[in-house]
C-alpha atoms as a PDB file:
ATOM      1  CA  MET A   1    -251.797  35.935 -48.112  1.00  0.00           C
ATOM      2  CA  GLU A   2    -251.466  32.919 -45.831  1.00  0.00           C
ATOM      3  CA  ASN A   3    -249.934  30.563 -48.354  1.00  0.00           C
ATOM      4  CA  ARG A   4    -246.966  32.865 -49.319  1.00  0.00           C
ATOM      5  CA  LYS A   5    -243.454  31.746 -48.775  1.00  0.00           C
ATOM      6  CA  SER A   6    -239.985  32.402 -50.360  1.00  0.00           C
ATOM      7  CA  LEU A   7    -239.206  30.608 -53.620  1.00  0.00           C
ATOM      8  CA  VAL A   8    -236.380  28.787 -51.925  1.00  0.00           C
ATOM      9  CA  ARG A   9    -238.744  26.695 -49.869  1.00  0.00           C
ATOM     10  CA  VAL A  10    -240.771  25.346 -53.020  1.00  0.00           C
ATOM     11  CA  PRO A  11    -239.913  21.717 -53.263  1.00  0.00           C
ATOM     12  CA  VAL A  12    -238.266  20.222 -56.414  1.00  0.00           C
ATOM     13  CA  GLY A  13    -240.959  19.427 -58.930  1.00  0.00           C
ATOM     14  CA  LYS A  14    -243.523  21.917 -57.577  1.00  0.00           C
ATOM     15  CA  THR A  15    -244.772  25.229 -59.117  1.00  0.00           C
ATOM     16  CA  ALA A  16    -245.603  28.459 -57.398  1.00  0.00           C
ATOM     17  CA  ARG A  17    -246.614  31.893 -58.700  1.00  0.00           C
ATOM     18  CA  VAL A  18    -244.474  35.049 -58.073  1.00  0.00           C
ATOM     19  CA  ALA A  19    -246.314  37.301 -55.544  1.00  0.00           C
ATOM     20  CA  ARG A  20    -243.682  39.965 -54.996  1.00  0.00           C
ATOM     21  CA  LEU A  21    -239.976  40.569 -54.719  1.00  0.00           C
ATOM     22  CA  ASP A  22    -238.716  41.602 -51.347  1.00  0.00           C
ATOM     23  CA  THR A  23    -235.123  42.757 -52.368  1.00  0.00           C
ATOM     24  CA  ASP A  24    -232.967  45.772 -52.916  1.00  0.00           C
ATOM     25  CA  GLU A  25    -233.009  47.585 -56.449  1.00  0.00           C
ATOM     26  CA  SER A  26    -229.828  46.114 -57.580  1.00  0.00           C
ATOM     27  CA  ILE A  27    -230.929  42.467 -57.807  1.00  0.00           C
ATOM     28  CA  ARG A  28    -234.652  43.396 -58.248  1.00  0.00           C
ATOM     29  CA  ALA A  29    -233.965  44.734 -61.956  1.00  0.00           C
ATOM     30  CA  ARG A  30    -232.024  41.425 -62.606  1.00  0.00           C
ATOM     31  CA  LEU A  31    -234.774  39.304 -61.362  1.00  0.00           C
ATOM     32  CA  LEU A  32    -237.416  41.119 -63.222  1.00  0.00           C
ATOM     33  CA  ASP A  33    -235.347  40.859 -66.527  1.00  0.00           C
ATOM     34  CA  MET A  34    -235.056  37.106 -65.863  1.00  0.00           C
ATOM     35  CA  GLY A  35    -238.914  36.767 -65.753  1.00  0.00           C
ATOM     36  CA  PHE A  36    -239.692  36.899 -62.009  1.00  0.00           C
ATOM     37  CA  THR A  37    -242.680  39.228 -62.327  1.00  0.00           C
ATOM     38  CA  ARG A  38    -245.962  39.116 -60.502  1.00  0.00           C
ATOM     39  CA  GLY A  39    -248.068  36.182 -61.570  1.00  0.00           C
ATOM     40  CA  ALA A  40    -245.341  34.299 -63.393  1.00  0.00           C
ATOM     41  CA  ALA A  41    -245.268  30.561 -62.751  1.00  0.00           C
ATOM     42  CA  ALA A  42    -241.868  29.160 -61.434  1.00  0.00           C
ATOM     43  CA  THR A  43    -241.162  25.540 -61.121  1.00  0.00           C
ATOM     44  CA  CYS A  44    -238.324  24.062 -59.141  1.00  0.00           C
ATOM     45  CA  LEU A  45    -236.507  21.706 -61.455  1.00  0.00           C
ATOM     46  CA  PHE A  46    -233.614  20.532 -59.347  1.00  0.00           C
ATOM     47  CA  GLU A  47    -231.019  21.598 -56.880  1.00  0.00           C
ATOM     48  CA  SER A  48    -227.381  20.928 -56.915  1.00  0.00           C
ATOM     49  CA  PRO A  49    -225.943  18.221 -54.638  1.00  0.00           C
ATOM     50  CA  GLY A  50    -225.099  20.730 -51.904  1.00  0.00           C
ATOM     51  CA  GLY A  51    -228.657  22.183 -52.305  1.00  0.00           C
ATOM     52  CA  ASP A  52    -227.514  25.573 -53.558  1.00  0.00           C
ATOM     53  CA  PRO A  53    -227.970  26.814 -56.204  1.00  0.00           C
ATOM     54  CA  ARG A  54    -231.301  25.563 -57.463  1.00  0.00           C
ATOM     55  CA  ALA A  55    -232.741  25.651 -61.049  1.00  0.00           C
ATOM     56  CA  TYR A  56    -236.241  27.118 -61.743  1.00  0.00           C
ATOM     57  CA  LEU A  57    -238.158  27.136 -64.901  1.00  0.00           C
ATOM     58  CA  ILE A  58    -239.582  30.606 -65.437  1.00  0.00           C
ATOM     59  CA  ARG A  59    -241.271  31.760 -68.675  1.00  0.00           C
ATOM     60  CA  GLY A  60    -239.794  29.080 -70.836  1.00  0.00           C
ATOM     61  CA  ALA A  61    -236.193  29.570 -69.399  1.00  0.00           C
ATOM     62  CA  VAL A  62    -234.067  27.660 -66.999  1.00  0.00           C
ATOM     63  CA  VAL A  63    -232.526  29.879 -64.379  1.00  0.00           C
ATOM     64  CA  ALA A  64    -230.140  28.855 -61.547  1.00  0.00           C
ATOM     65  CA  LEU A  65    -230.544  30.978 -58.453  1.00  0.00           C
ATOM     66  CA  ARG A  66    -228.532  30.989 -55.116  1.00  0.00           C
ATOM     67  CA  GLY A  67    -230.654  30.471 -52.106  1.00  0.00           C
ATOM     68  CA  ARG A  68    -230.112  33.918 -50.748  1.00  0.00           C
ATOM     69  CA  ASP A  69    -231.620  35.487 -53.968  1.00  0.00           C
ATOM     70  CA  ALA A  70    -234.485  32.950 -54.193  1.00  0.00           C
ATOM     71  CA  ALA A  71    -235.359  33.649 -50.637  1.00  0.00           C
ATOM     72  CA  THR A  72    -236.246  37.285 -51.617  1.00  0.00           C
ATOM     73  CA  ILE A  73    -238.964  36.070 -54.088  1.00  0.00           C
ATOM     74  CA  LEU A  74    -242.313  35.665 -52.365  1.00  0.00           C
ATOM     75  CA  VAL A  75    -244.561  33.127 -53.991  1.00  0.00           C
ATOM     76  CA  GLU A  76    -247.977  31.526 -53.725  1.00  0.00           C
ATOM     77  CA  GLU A  77    -248.152  27.844 -54.236  1.00  0.00           C
ATOM     78  CA  THR A  78    -250.278  26.473 -57.069  1.00  0.00           C
ATOM     79  CA  GLU A  79    -251.703  23.128 -58.102  1.00  0.00           C
ATOM     80  CA  ASN A  80    -249.318  21.534 -60.479  1.00  0.00           C
ATOM     81  CA  PRO A  81    -250.809  20.620 -63.914  1.00  0.00           C
END
């Protein structure tokens, strides 16, 4: 789909829906356990002063992800409520 990008590129305060995970099995299981499943809404809440890691709201939990891990999560932008 044309509007897909990695989660790491979602601006602070914006929400996107998980489209798919593009990573190896070792991190895939961990991301799925944290709630990064297809269709889940992920909102970028804030980033550390250096820009990495960033905090995301996913399924009611706040999760901090390093940029290299967030880059493997492909998302589709949504309209924020």
